[in-house]
N, C-alpha and C. Protein backbone atom coordinates (compact mmCIF):
# COMPACT_ATOMS: atom_id res chain seq x y z
N MET A 1 150.77 135.18 141.59
CA MET A 1 150.61 135.06 140.66
C MET A 1 149.40 133.90 140.33
N MET A 2 148.38 134.52 139.54
CA MET A 2 147.48 133.91 138.91
C MET A 2 147.55 133.22 137.36
N LYS A 3 147.55 132.29 137.42
CA LYS A 3 147.73 131.46 136.00
C LYS A 3 146.39 131.00 135.42
N ILE A 4 146.17 131.37 134.53
CA ILE A 4 145.00 131.05 133.73
C ILE A 4 145.24 129.82 132.47
N TYR A 5 144.78 128.91 132.53
CA TYR A 5 145.01 127.88 131.62
C TYR A 5 143.96 127.62 130.66
N GLY A 6 144.06 127.54 129.72
CA GLY A 6 142.66 127.80 128.46
C GLY A 6 142.74 126.47 127.85
N LEU A 7 141.58 125.95 127.38
CA LEU A 7 141.15 124.85 126.92
C LEU A 7 141.30 125.19 125.21
N VAL A 8 142.04 124.28 124.33
CA VAL A 8 142.01 124.04 123.16
C VAL A 8 140.88 123.32 122.58
N LEU A 9 140.12 123.68 121.92
CA LEU A 9 138.82 122.70 121.34
C LEU A 9 139.15 122.87 119.43
N VAL A 10 139.12 121.45 119.13
CA VAL A 10 139.41 121.28 117.87
C VAL A 10 138.30 120.12 117.43
N PHE A 11 137.84 121.43 116.32
CA PHE A 11 136.48 120.91 115.70
C PHE A 11 136.88 120.28 114.46
N VAL A 12 136.36 119.04 114.14
CA VAL A 12 136.46 118.27 112.97
C VAL A 12 135.00 118.29 112.24
N PRO A 13 134.89 118.70 110.85
CA PRO A 13 134.19 118.91 110.25
C PRO A 13 133.37 117.18 109.88
N LEU A 14 131.99 117.38 110.31
CA LEU A 14 131.45 115.90 110.08
C LEU A 14 131.55 115.53 108.78
N THR A 15 131.78 115.86 107.85
CA THR A 15 132.32 115.61 106.34
C THR A 15 133.31 114.95 106.68
N LEU A 16 134.33 115.44 107.06
CA LEU A 16 135.71 114.41 107.12
C LEU A 16 135.13 113.32 107.98
N LEU A 17 134.72 113.38 109.05
CA LEU A 17 134.39 112.15 110.00
C LEU A 17 133.60 111.07 109.15
N ALA A 18 132.72 111.56 108.18
CA ALA A 18 132.33 110.72 107.07
C ALA A 18 132.89 109.92 106.41
N GLU A 19 133.77 110.91 105.67
CA GLU A 19 134.72 110.29 104.60
C GLU A 19 135.60 109.42 105.22
N ALA A 20 136.23 109.45 106.81
CA ALA A 20 137.41 108.56 107.18
C ALA A 20 136.14 107.27 107.47
N ASN A 21 135.53 107.15 108.25
CA ASN A 21 134.61 106.38 108.21
C ASN A 21 134.09 105.35 106.72
N SER A 22 134.40 106.09 105.81
CA SER A 22 133.76 105.60 104.36
C SER A 22 135.17 104.76 104.24
N VAL A 23 136.31 105.51 104.19
CA VAL A 23 137.42 104.98 103.93
C VAL A 23 137.65 103.58 104.39
N GLN A 24 137.21 103.61 105.92
CA GLN A 24 137.51 102.48 107.00
C GLN A 24 136.75 101.09 106.47
N HIS A 25 135.42 101.82 106.19
CA HIS A 25 134.64 100.43 105.44
C HIS A 25 135.10 100.12 104.34
N SER A 26 135.58 100.70 103.47
CA SER A 26 135.89 100.42 102.24
C SER A 26 137.03 99.50 102.36
N GLN A 27 138.07 99.67 103.27
CA GLN A 27 139.37 98.78 103.46
C GLN A 27 139.01 97.73 104.27
N SER A 28 137.97 97.61 105.10
CA SER A 28 137.47 96.41 105.67
C SER A 28 136.94 95.13 104.59
N SER A 29 136.04 96.22 103.81
CA SER A 29 135.29 95.24 102.50
C SER A 29 136.46 94.61 101.89
N MET A 30 137.52 95.63 101.49
CA MET A 30 138.52 95.10 100.32
C MET A 30 138.95 93.84 101.03
N ASN A 31 139.07 93.50 102.31
CA ASN A 31 139.77 92.55 103.09
C ASN A 31 138.87 91.42 103.00
N LEU A 32 137.82 91.32 102.78
CA LEU A 32 137.04 90.35 102.53
C LEU A 32 137.26 89.39 101.33
N ILE A 33 136.98 88.51 101.46
CA ILE A 33 136.90 87.43 100.38
C ILE A 33 135.50 86.99 99.96
N SER A 34 135.23 87.76 98.59
CA SER A 34 133.98 87.41 98.06
C SER A 34 133.29 88.55 98.58
N GLU A 35 133.41 89.80 99.55
CA GLU A 35 132.45 90.32 99.69
C GLU A 35 131.71 89.93 101.30
N ARG A 36 132.23 88.67 101.62
CA ARG A 36 131.53 87.92 102.79
C ARG A 36 132.50 87.45 103.75
N PHE A 37 133.61 86.55 103.54
CA PHE A 37 134.60 86.06 104.39
C PHE A 37 135.84 86.57 104.68
N GLN A 38 135.90 86.85 105.93
CA GLN A 38 136.94 87.57 106.43
C GLN A 38 138.40 86.50 107.01
N ASP A 39 139.39 86.39 106.25
CA ASP A 39 140.18 85.76 106.51
C ASP A 39 141.16 85.86 107.66
N ASN A 40 141.17 84.81 108.41
CA ASN A 40 141.67 85.16 109.91
C ASN A 40 143.20 84.78 109.80
N HIS A 41 143.51 84.39 108.79
CA HIS A 41 145.19 84.19 108.49
C HIS A 41 145.86 82.61 109.35
N ASP A 42 144.75 82.18 109.48
CA ASP A 42 145.29 81.08 110.45
C ASP A 42 144.86 79.62 109.92
N GLY A 43 144.28 79.92 108.40
CA GLY A 43 143.60 78.81 108.16
C GLY A 43 142.06 78.62 108.13
N THR A 44 141.46 79.58 108.73
CA THR A 44 139.87 79.62 109.20
C THR A 44 139.65 80.94 108.40
N LEU A 45 138.22 81.04 108.21
CA LEU A 45 137.54 82.42 107.76
C LEU A 45 136.42 82.54 108.53
N THR A 46 135.96 83.88 108.82
CA THR A 46 134.70 83.91 109.51
C THR A 46 133.90 84.60 108.44
N ASP A 47 132.64 83.84 108.69
CA ASP A 47 131.67 84.47 107.53
C ASP A 47 130.74 85.53 108.43
N THR A 48 130.94 86.61 107.68
CA THR A 48 130.59 87.72 108.11
C THR A 48 128.93 87.91 108.15
N THR A 49 128.07 86.78 107.39
CA THR A 49 126.88 86.95 107.40
C THR A 49 125.87 85.90 108.57
N THR A 50 127.13 84.90 108.80
CA THR A 50 126.49 84.20 109.85
C THR A 50 127.12 84.17 111.18
N GLN A 51 128.37 85.00 111.30
CA GLN A 51 129.33 84.84 112.40
C GLN A 51 129.76 83.41 112.81
N LEU A 52 129.86 82.84 111.78
CA LEU A 52 130.51 81.40 112.01
C LEU A 52 132.16 81.05 111.49
N ILE A 53 132.83 80.42 112.33
CA ILE A 53 134.16 80.39 111.95
C ILE A 53 134.38 78.88 111.02
N TRP A 54 134.65 78.99 109.82
CA TRP A 54 134.79 77.63 109.19
C TRP A 54 136.34 77.47 109.22
N MET A 55 136.83 75.95 109.16
CA MET A 55 138.08 75.53 108.40
C MET A 55 138.08 75.57 107.41
N ARG A 56 139.21 76.34 106.65
CA ARG A 56 139.15 76.71 105.04
C ARG A 56 139.29 75.21 104.18
N CYS A 57 140.12 74.12 104.84
CA CYS A 57 140.42 72.88 104.56
C CYS A 57 139.55 71.62 105.11
N THR A 58 139.44 70.80 104.41
CA THR A 58 138.70 69.36 104.60
C THR A 58 139.73 68.85 105.64
N VAL A 59 138.88 68.30 107.03
CA VAL A 59 139.83 67.66 107.79
C VAL A 59 140.74 66.44 106.96
N GLY A 60 142.22 66.88 107.53
CA GLY A 60 143.07 65.95 106.97
C GLY A 60 144.16 66.57 106.03
N GLN A 61 143.70 67.82 105.52
CA GLN A 61 144.40 68.94 104.69
C GLN A 61 145.03 69.60 105.69
N THR A 62 145.98 70.25 105.32
CA THR A 62 146.79 71.58 106.29
C THR A 62 146.54 72.89 105.35
N TRP A 63 146.63 73.90 105.78
CA TRP A 63 146.10 75.04 105.21
C TRP A 63 147.95 75.43 104.90
N GLN A 64 148.32 75.69 104.23
CA GLN A 64 149.75 76.42 103.69
C GLN A 64 149.67 77.35 102.47
N GLY A 65 150.09 78.52 102.98
CA GLY A 65 150.31 79.65 101.83
C GLY A 65 148.46 80.01 101.28
N ASN A 66 148.31 79.61 100.20
CA ASN A 66 146.79 80.16 99.77
C ASN A 66 146.40 78.95 99.42
N HIS A 67 146.61 77.59 99.89
CA HIS A 67 145.92 76.20 99.46
C HIS A 67 145.88 75.16 100.34
N CYS A 68 145.16 74.06 100.40
CA CYS A 68 145.39 73.19 101.34
C CYS A 68 146.01 72.08 100.95
N HIS A 69 146.81 71.66 101.80
CA HIS A 69 147.81 70.57 101.09
C HIS A 69 147.29 69.31 102.03
N GLY A 70 147.85 68.00 101.20
CA GLY A 70 147.63 66.76 101.80
C GLY A 70 146.45 65.87 101.56
N GLU A 71 146.12 65.09 101.97
CA GLU A 71 145.12 64.14 101.42
C GLU A 71 143.86 64.53 102.49
N ALA A 72 142.75 64.70 102.00
CA ALA A 72 141.67 64.80 102.99
C ALA A 72 141.16 63.27 103.85
N ILE A 73 140.69 63.24 104.75
CA ILE A 73 140.45 62.20 105.19
C ILE A 73 138.61 61.61 105.35
N LYS A 74 138.53 60.66 104.68
CA LYS A 74 136.98 60.05 104.69
C LYS A 74 136.92 59.43 106.10
N MET A 75 135.57 59.54 106.71
CA MET A 75 135.19 58.93 107.89
C MET A 75 133.63 58.77 108.08
N ASN A 76 133.09 57.63 108.90
CA ASN A 76 131.67 57.56 108.83
C ASN A 76 131.50 58.73 109.86
N TRP A 77 130.03 58.79 109.98
CA TRP A 77 129.23 59.63 110.85
C TRP A 77 129.81 59.83 112.05
N HIS A 78 130.05 59.04 113.09
CA HIS A 78 130.04 58.44 114.48
C HIS A 78 131.70 58.99 114.48
N GLN A 79 132.52 58.75 113.83
CA GLN A 79 134.01 59.26 113.40
C GLN A 79 134.29 60.80 113.35
N ALA A 80 133.14 61.41 112.56
CA ALA A 80 133.14 62.59 112.48
C ALA A 80 132.91 63.29 113.79
N ILE A 81 131.73 62.89 114.34
CA ILE A 81 131.34 63.49 115.90
C ILE A 81 132.16 63.37 116.76
N SER A 82 133.23 62.16 116.89
CA SER A 82 133.99 62.15 117.74
C SER A 82 135.28 62.97 117.57
N LYS A 83 135.90 63.06 116.05
CA LYS A 83 136.84 63.81 115.93
C LYS A 83 136.49 65.24 116.14
N ALA A 84 135.56 65.76 115.85
CA ALA A 84 135.08 67.15 116.28
C ALA A 84 135.14 67.67 117.45
N GLU A 85 134.63 66.41 118.42
CA GLU A 85 134.71 66.40 119.94
C GLU A 85 136.26 66.84 120.50
N THR A 86 137.06 66.17 119.99
CA THR A 86 138.43 66.16 120.28
C THR A 86 139.60 67.01 119.63
N TYR A 87 139.05 67.57 118.46
CA TYR A 87 139.60 68.42 117.68
C TYR A 87 140.30 69.86 118.00
N ILE A 88 141.40 70.24 118.03
CA ILE A 88 142.28 71.17 118.62
C ILE A 88 142.98 71.83 117.53
N TYR A 89 142.63 72.79 117.22
CA TYR A 89 143.18 73.90 115.88
C TYR A 89 142.95 75.50 116.41
N THR A 90 144.02 76.09 116.12
CA THR A 90 144.33 77.37 116.19
C THR A 90 143.89 77.85 117.76
N GLU A 91 144.36 76.79 118.54
CA GLU A 91 144.20 76.55 119.96
C GLU A 91 142.64 76.68 120.36
N LYS A 92 142.01 76.47 119.49
CA LYS A 92 140.33 76.44 119.93
C LYS A 92 139.82 74.55 119.95
N SER A 93 139.28 74.62 120.99
CA SER A 93 138.90 73.12 121.16
C SER A 93 137.62 72.82 121.31
N ASP A 94 136.72 73.89 120.43
CA ASP A 94 135.25 73.99 120.48
C ASP A 94 134.54 73.75 118.87
N TRP A 95 135.50 72.81 118.38
CA TRP A 95 135.29 72.63 116.85
C TRP A 95 133.85 71.87 117.00
N ARG A 96 133.36 71.66 116.00
CA ARG A 96 132.14 70.83 115.72
C ARG A 96 131.74 70.59 114.15
N LEU A 97 130.61 69.50 114.20
CA LEU A 97 130.28 69.35 112.68
C LEU A 97 129.31 69.99 112.63
N PRO A 98 129.13 70.52 111.43
CA PRO A 98 128.35 71.70 110.84
C PRO A 98 126.73 71.20 110.87
N THR A 99 125.49 71.99 111.23
CA THR A 99 123.94 71.48 110.69
C THR A 99 123.90 71.46 109.12
N LEU A 100 122.95 70.82 108.83
CA LEU A 100 122.57 70.81 107.50
C LEU A 100 122.27 72.44 107.11
N GLU A 101 121.62 73.26 107.87
CA GLU A 101 121.38 74.63 107.77
C GLU A 101 122.67 75.28 107.27
N GLU A 102 123.84 75.07 108.43
CA GLU A 102 124.79 75.91 108.45
C GLU A 102 125.74 75.82 107.09
N LEU A 103 125.90 74.06 106.50
CA LEU A 103 126.85 73.60 105.42
C LEU A 103 125.94 74.16 104.34
N ARG A 104 124.65 74.14 104.31
CA ARG A 104 124.29 74.62 102.73
C ARG A 104 124.49 76.13 102.44
N THR A 105 124.58 76.84 103.23
CA THR A 105 125.19 78.49 103.18
C THR A 105 126.53 78.37 102.75
N LEU A 106 127.22 77.18 102.35
CA LEU A 106 128.40 77.37 101.88
C LEU A 106 128.47 76.88 100.13
N VAL A 107 127.16 76.56 99.92
CA VAL A 107 126.93 75.89 98.44
C VAL A 107 126.56 77.34 97.81
N VAL A 108 127.55 77.44 96.79
CA VAL A 108 127.73 78.68 95.35
C VAL A 108 127.40 78.09 94.05
N CYS A 109 126.19 78.46 93.37
CA CYS A 109 125.91 77.89 92.01
C CYS A 109 126.36 78.80 91.20
N SER A 110 127.57 78.77 90.57
CA SER A 110 128.25 80.04 89.74
C SER A 110 127.30 80.25 88.44
N SER A 111 126.48 79.13 88.14
CA SER A 111 125.22 79.67 87.07
C SER A 111 124.38 80.60 87.80
N GLY A 112 124.22 80.66 88.91
CA GLY A 112 123.04 81.67 89.70
C GLY A 112 121.91 80.92 89.33
N LEU A 113 121.72 79.61 89.17
CA LEU A 113 120.45 78.89 89.14
C LEU A 113 120.69 77.29 90.09
N ARG A 114 119.61 77.51 91.00
CA ARG A 114 119.46 76.15 91.90
C ARG A 114 118.11 75.77 91.88
N ARG A 115 118.00 74.82 92.27
CA ARG A 115 116.74 73.96 92.38
C ARG A 115 116.49 74.71 93.71
N GLU A 116 115.20 74.58 93.85
CA GLU A 116 114.16 75.25 95.03
C GLU A 116 114.73 73.57 96.17
N ILE A 117 114.52 74.27 97.38
CA ILE A 117 114.68 73.34 98.42
C ILE A 117 113.69 73.20 99.16
N ARG A 118 112.84 72.10 99.17
CA ARG A 118 111.51 71.77 99.72
C ARG A 118 112.02 70.61 100.74
N LEU A 119 112.15 70.52 101.86
CA LEU A 119 112.40 69.65 102.69
C LEU A 119 111.38 69.25 103.87
N ARG A 120 111.16 67.96 103.81
CA ARG A 120 110.18 67.40 105.12
C ARG A 120 111.22 67.10 106.08
N GLU A 121 110.71 66.89 107.21
CA GLU A 121 111.37 66.34 108.08
C GLU A 121 112.52 65.00 107.94
N ASP A 122 111.85 64.25 106.87
CA ASP A 122 112.69 62.89 106.73
C ASP A 122 113.16 63.18 105.42
N TYR A 123 112.94 63.81 104.34
CA TYR A 123 113.66 63.50 102.73
C TYR A 123 113.07 65.05 102.46
N ALA A 124 113.73 65.11 101.09
CA ALA A 124 113.46 66.00 100.19
C ALA A 124 112.31 65.81 99.02
N ILE A 125 111.38 66.56 99.17
CA ILE A 125 110.16 66.46 98.43
C ILE A 125 110.68 66.37 96.99
N THR A 126 109.89 65.27 96.10
CA THR A 126 110.18 64.91 94.86
C THR A 126 108.49 65.39 94.21
N ASP A 127 109.01 66.33 92.61
CA ASP A 127 107.80 66.35 91.83
C ASP A 127 107.71 64.90 91.26
N ALA A 128 106.89 64.39 91.84
CA ALA A 128 106.38 63.00 90.91
C ALA A 128 106.03 62.81 89.30
N GLU A 129 105.57 63.98 89.01
CA GLU A 129 104.85 64.21 87.55
C GLU A 129 105.99 64.59 86.85
N ASN A 130 107.01 65.44 87.20
CA ASN A 130 108.38 65.95 86.39
C ASN A 130 109.29 65.55 86.53
N GLY A 131 109.89 64.35 87.94
CA GLY A 131 110.68 63.89 88.07
C GLY A 131 111.96 64.60 89.09
N VAL A 132 111.34 65.89 89.42
CA VAL A 132 112.37 66.74 90.09
C VAL A 132 112.38 66.70 91.49
N ARG A 133 113.56 66.43 92.05
CA ARG A 133 113.85 66.40 93.64
C ARG A 133 114.29 68.04 93.71
N PHE A 134 113.45 68.29 94.74
CA PHE A 134 113.70 69.73 95.38
C PHE A 134 114.71 69.45 96.45
N ASP A 135 116.17 69.05 96.09
CA ASP A 135 117.13 69.12 97.03
C ASP A 135 118.55 70.09 96.78
N GLY A 136 118.31 71.18 96.11
CA GLY A 136 118.83 72.29 96.05
C GLY A 136 120.22 72.36 94.90
N ARG A 137 120.03 71.29 94.08
CA ARG A 137 121.11 70.96 93.02
C ARG A 137 120.94 72.45 92.45
N CYS A 138 122.43 72.49 92.04
CA CYS A 138 122.58 73.81 90.84
C CYS A 138 122.13 73.20 89.65
N LYS A 139 121.85 74.23 88.95
CA LYS A 139 121.27 73.86 87.49
C LYS A 139 122.11 74.52 86.34
N GLY A 140 122.07 74.21 85.38
CA GLY A 140 122.58 74.97 84.18
C GLY A 140 124.09 74.39 84.27
N ASP A 141 125.10 75.81 83.66
CA ASP A 141 126.60 75.09 83.63
C ASP A 141 126.97 75.72 84.70
N PHE A 142 127.21 74.88 85.68
CA PHE A 142 127.96 75.56 86.86
C PHE A 142 129.30 74.70 87.16
N ASP A 143 130.48 75.58 87.92
CA ASP A 143 131.83 75.23 88.25
C ASP A 143 131.63 74.41 89.42
N THR A 144 132.33 73.36 89.51
CA THR A 144 132.29 72.29 90.81
C THR A 144 134.13 72.39 91.27
N PRO A 145 133.90 72.20 92.17
CA PRO A 145 133.10 72.04 93.28
C PRO A 145 132.29 73.31 93.38
N THR A 146 131.10 72.98 94.20
CA THR A 146 130.10 74.01 94.01
C THR A 146 130.14 74.63 95.32
N ILE A 147 131.12 75.46 95.63
CA ILE A 147 131.76 76.03 96.74
C ILE A 147 132.50 77.71 96.33
N ASP A 148 132.40 78.57 97.19
CA ASP A 148 133.46 79.58 97.10
C ASP A 148 134.83 79.19 96.65
N GLN A 149 135.52 78.95 95.83
CA GLN A 149 136.86 78.26 95.70
C GLN A 149 138.04 78.86 96.31
N LYS A 150 137.63 80.56 96.06
CA LYS A 150 138.64 81.36 96.62
C LYS A 150 138.73 81.26 98.29
N ALA A 151 137.65 81.26 99.00
CA ALA A 151 137.46 81.05 100.09
C ALA A 151 137.96 79.68 100.79
N PHE A 152 137.47 78.63 99.84
CA PHE A 152 137.90 77.12 100.36
C PHE A 152 138.36 76.18 99.14
N PRO A 153 139.53 76.90 99.01
CA PRO A 153 140.32 75.79 97.58
C PRO A 153 140.55 74.62 98.13
N ASP A 154 140.29 73.52 97.15
CA ASP A 154 140.86 72.07 97.40
C ASP A 154 139.71 71.62 97.86
N THR A 155 138.40 72.19 97.67
CA THR A 155 137.27 71.15 98.47
C THR A 155 136.94 70.14 97.72
N LEU A 156 136.91 68.73 97.83
CA LEU A 156 136.47 67.75 97.02
C LEU A 156 134.94 67.74 96.49
N LYS A 157 135.03 67.38 95.80
CA LYS A 157 133.67 67.36 94.82
C LYS A 157 132.99 66.05 95.29
N ASN A 158 132.44 65.93 96.28
CA ASN A 158 132.08 64.95 97.09
C ASN A 158 130.95 65.36 98.44
N ASN A 159 130.55 64.41 98.99
CA ASN A 159 129.69 64.39 100.14
C ASN A 159 130.32 64.80 101.52
N TYR A 160 129.91 65.75 102.02
CA TYR A 160 130.44 66.32 103.23
C TYR A 160 129.07 66.07 104.54
N TRP A 161 129.65 65.61 105.51
CA TRP A 161 128.59 65.05 106.77
C TRP A 161 128.19 66.17 107.52
N THR A 162 127.11 66.32 107.92
CA THR A 162 126.46 67.17 108.45
C THR A 162 126.03 66.50 109.78
N SER A 163 125.67 67.52 111.19
CA SER A 163 125.40 67.12 112.40
C SER A 163 123.92 66.60 112.52
N THR A 164 123.18 67.04 111.57
CA THR A 164 121.74 66.72 111.20
C THR A 164 121.22 65.33 110.78
N GLU A 165 120.62 64.46 112.03
CA GLU A 165 120.20 63.17 111.65
C GLU A 165 118.76 63.15 111.18
N HIS A 166 118.72 61.90 110.59
CA HIS A 166 117.38 61.74 109.97
C HIS A 166 116.51 61.41 111.23
N PRO A 167 115.38 62.46 111.22
CA PRO A 167 114.53 62.37 112.38
C PRO A 167 113.94 61.19 113.01
N ILE A 168 113.53 59.91 111.86
CA ILE A 168 112.78 58.79 111.99
C ILE A 168 113.87 57.73 111.77
N PHE A 169 114.76 57.93 111.07
CA PHE A 169 115.74 56.48 110.76
C PHE A 169 117.10 57.04 111.23
N LYS A 170 117.24 56.73 112.57
CA LYS A 170 118.68 57.15 112.96
C LYS A 170 120.13 56.62 112.45
N GLN A 171 119.77 55.38 111.49
CA GLN A 171 120.90 55.12 110.78
C GLN A 171 121.34 56.17 109.79
N PHE A 172 120.56 57.08 109.32
CA PHE A 172 121.05 57.97 108.13
C PHE A 172 121.21 59.53 108.84
N SER A 173 121.99 59.92 108.11
CA SER A 173 122.11 61.54 108.40
C SER A 173 122.09 62.33 107.21
N TRP A 174 121.86 63.43 107.49
CA TRP A 174 121.83 64.64 106.28
C TRP A 174 123.38 65.03 105.82
N GLY A 175 123.81 65.30 104.41
CA GLY A 175 125.14 65.22 104.18
C GLY A 175 124.55 66.57 102.82
N VAL A 176 125.87 67.43 102.42
CA VAL A 176 125.69 67.95 101.31
C VAL A 176 126.75 67.44 100.20
N ASN A 177 126.48 67.48 99.21
CA ASN A 177 127.33 67.00 97.92
C ASN A 177 127.83 68.28 97.03
N PHE A 178 129.13 68.33 97.30
CA PHE A 178 129.53 69.67 96.94
C PHE A 178 130.35 69.52 95.25
N SER A 179 129.80 68.45 94.74
CA SER A 179 129.89 68.33 92.73
C SER A 179 128.59 68.65 92.35
N ALA A 180 127.48 69.07 93.36
CA ALA A 180 126.18 69.53 92.48
C ALA A 180 125.53 70.38 93.43
N GLY A 181 125.92 70.52 94.68
CA GLY A 181 125.20 71.15 95.74
C GLY A 181 124.07 70.75 96.29
N SER A 182 123.69 69.46 96.02
CA SER A 182 122.58 68.67 96.32
C SER A 182 122.57 68.32 97.94
N GLU A 183 121.39 68.17 98.35
CA GLU A 183 121.35 67.68 100.14
C GLU A 183 120.94 66.29 100.10
N PHE A 184 121.29 65.50 100.82
CA PHE A 184 121.06 64.14 100.78
C PHE A 184 120.73 63.70 102.25
N ASN A 185 119.64 62.91 102.29
CA ASN A 185 119.57 62.51 103.95
C ASN A 185 119.37 60.81 104.20
N TYR A 186 120.10 60.38 103.13
CA TYR A 186 119.88 59.08 103.22
C TYR A 186 121.63 58.66 103.36
N LEU A 187 122.38 59.05 103.82
CA LEU A 187 123.95 58.86 104.07
C LEU A 187 123.73 57.83 105.34
N VAL A 188 124.49 56.85 105.00
CA VAL A 188 124.35 55.72 106.34
C VAL A 188 125.45 56.11 106.81
N LYS A 189 125.38 56.04 108.33
CA LYS A 189 126.12 56.33 109.33
C LYS A 189 127.11 55.27 109.62
N ALA A 190 126.83 54.20 109.29
CA ALA A 190 127.30 52.71 109.66
C ALA A 190 128.96 52.63 109.33
N GLU A 191 129.99 51.88 110.05
CA GLU A 191 131.24 51.86 109.79
C GLU A 191 131.04 51.42 107.99
N GLY A 192 132.10 51.94 107.47
CA GLY A 192 132.56 51.68 106.12
C GLY A 192 131.75 52.69 105.25
N GLN A 193 131.05 53.35 105.82
CA GLN A 193 130.21 54.77 104.90
C GLN A 193 130.90 55.98 105.17
N ASN A 194 131.88 56.25 104.51
CA ASN A 194 132.79 57.47 104.83
C ASN A 194 132.54 58.38 103.93
N ARG A 195 132.46 59.41 104.77
CA ARG A 195 132.53 60.92 104.00
C ARG A 195 133.51 61.88 103.98
N TYR A 196 133.35 62.98 103.85
CA TYR A 196 134.01 63.94 104.00
C TYR A 196 133.76 65.05 105.28
N VAL A 197 134.83 65.92 105.60
CA VAL A 197 134.49 66.71 106.99
C VAL A 197 134.88 68.00 106.98
N ARG A 198 134.23 69.16 107.36
CA ARG A 198 134.76 70.36 107.25
C ARG A 198 134.08 70.76 108.72
N LEU A 199 134.89 71.30 109.42
CA LEU A 199 134.81 71.74 110.79
C LEU A 199 134.20 73.28 110.79
N ILE A 200 133.37 73.39 111.94
CA ILE A 200 132.75 74.99 112.20
C ILE A 200 133.15 75.20 113.74
N ARG A 201 133.41 76.36 113.85
CA ARG A 201 132.70 76.74 115.40
C ARG A 201 132.17 78.45 115.32
N ASP A 202 131.15 78.74 116.60
CA ASP A 202 130.76 79.97 116.38
C ASP A 202 131.86 80.83 116.95
N ALA A 203 131.59 82.10 116.26
CA ALA A 203 132.77 82.97 116.37
C ALA A 203 132.52 83.85 117.74
N LYS A 204 131.58 83.72 118.55
CA LYS A 204 131.51 84.50 119.76
C LYS A 204 132.28 83.70 120.85
N GLN A 205 132.36 82.55 120.68
CA GLN A 205 133.04 81.52 121.72
C GLN A 205 134.66 81.88 121.77
């Protein structure tokens, strides 16, 4: 006896596929904080614009619930570099100090106004005639700290280290001040010159 088996093909209209993709995209967008940060539910966020993973808390604090608890730790630049090299969090050990270019991406000026950033290799350019320093400082009436406070609650209104050193005077390093969003290149790296630290890692690793 010969048996013939047939194939049943199911055709799904392209419009339905498009609608499904749209719903999936909308749901994914709804899960983002400020339409940018993906919550990894472990005290870290993935920045979907840069593909960098940030610790939500300043070093010294711990993530509990929806906030950072405990006291943030200040340290000098050399301690910050060493801390990052030995830091283990979320079972990852490739944490590092962010560069100036990376840390400045977290600055948010709620006023929508910010000074232009004009940096030479060794300092922020100043308009001598008008006395304006082009350091990225927020302008107008803005909230502090100058960071997305939903993504990074309990951030200190203070200076945070970057790994970017002064190209000429190695005793200095660049930092970002989250009380105003400005960038500084004269933060002394020596003992006793302590700032806050937020660590970062690459998402692809």
